[in-house]
Protein backbone atom coordinates (compact mmCIF):
# COMPACT_ATOMS: atom_id res chain seq x y z
CA MET A 1 74.22 -74.07 58.17
CA LYS A 2 70.72 -72.64 58.03
CA VAL A 3 69.64 -69.03 58.15
CA LYS A 4 66.06 -68.21 59.13
CA TYR A 5 64.47 -64.77 59.18
CA PHE A 6 61.29 -64.00 61.08
CA PRO A 7 59.83 -60.74 59.69
CA ASP A 8 57.14 -60.44 62.38
CA THR A 9 59.85 -59.98 65.04
CA ASP A 10 62.71 -58.83 62.75
CA THR A 11 64.84 -61.67 64.10
CA ALA A 12 67.51 -63.67 62.27
CA LEU A 13 68.56 -67.12 63.42
CA VAL A 14 71.78 -68.64 62.10
CA GLU A 15 72.01 -72.35 62.89
CA PHE A 16 75.49 -73.83 62.56
CA THR A 17 74.81 -77.32 63.91
CA GLU A 18 71.91 -79.36 65.24
CA ASN A 19 73.69 -80.09 68.54
CA SER A 20 71.74 -79.73 71.77
CA ILE A 21 72.04 -76.33 73.40
CA LYS A 22 73.59 -76.25 76.85
CA GLU A 23 73.75 -72.50 77.39
CA THR A 24 72.77 -69.20 75.78
CA LYS A 25 75.16 -66.28 76.13
CA GLU A 26 74.32 -62.63 75.55
CA ILE A 27 76.98 -61.07 73.32
CA SER A 28 75.30 -57.67 73.20
CA GLU A 29 71.83 -56.27 73.81
CA ASN A 30 70.45 -57.86 70.62
CA ILE A 31 72.85 -60.72 69.84
CA TYR A 32 72.86 -64.11 71.53
CA ILE A 33 74.80 -67.31 70.91
CA ASP A 34 73.86 -70.82 71.89
CA ILE A 35 76.64 -73.23 72.80
CA ASP A 36 76.73 -76.99 73.26
CA VAL A 37 78.20 -79.03 76.09
CA SER A 38 81.68 -78.82 74.51
CA GLY A 39 81.55 -75.02 74.23
CA ASN A 40 81.00 -75.01 70.46
CA ILE A 41 78.61 -72.52 68.90
CA VAL A 42 75.30 -74.06 67.86
CA SER A 43 73.41 -70.96 66.72
CA MET A 44 73.29 -67.18 66.83
CA THR A 45 70.20 -65.01 67.21
CA ILE A 46 70.15 -61.41 66.03
CA GLU A 47 67.22 -59.31 67.20
CA HIS A 48 66.28 -56.19 65.21
CA ALA A 49 68.22 -57.82 62.36
CA LYS A 50 67.48 -55.24 59.67
CA GLU A 51 68.98 -52.51 61.85
CA ASN A 52 71.74 -54.43 63.68
CA ALA A 53 72.94 -56.68 60.88
CA ARG A 54 71.76 -54.59 57.93
CA LEU A 55 69.78 -57.64 56.90
CA THR A 56 68.13 -56.42 53.73
CA GLU A 57 69.94 -58.87 51.49
CA PHE A 58 71.59 -62.23 52.08
CA SER A 59 74.15 -63.97 49.93
CA TYR A 60 76.38 -66.98 50.40
CA THR A 61 79.80 -67.54 48.91
CA GLU A 62 82.00 -70.52 49.59
CA VAL A 63 85.64 -69.60 49.17
CA SER A 64 87.81 -72.49 48.07
CA GLN A 65 91.18 -73.02 49.65
CA GLN A 66 93.96 -71.97 47.32
CA THR A 67 97.00 -74.16 47.04
CA ALA A 68 100.39 -72.55 47.58
């Protein structure tokens, strides 16, 4: 997964895979997802990211699966 932020347009791009994009779907006025031929999400674009996603800080935490 890659996260890119473009400050000149205040746009965030979250890339989940490198699959080819078949279709882009508008989720809301400022959020779009790209899907591949199998219907899997390839990436998500968030316009006006600082306002819509409160993108002032980014952190990543991988949560390990706990055994029962």
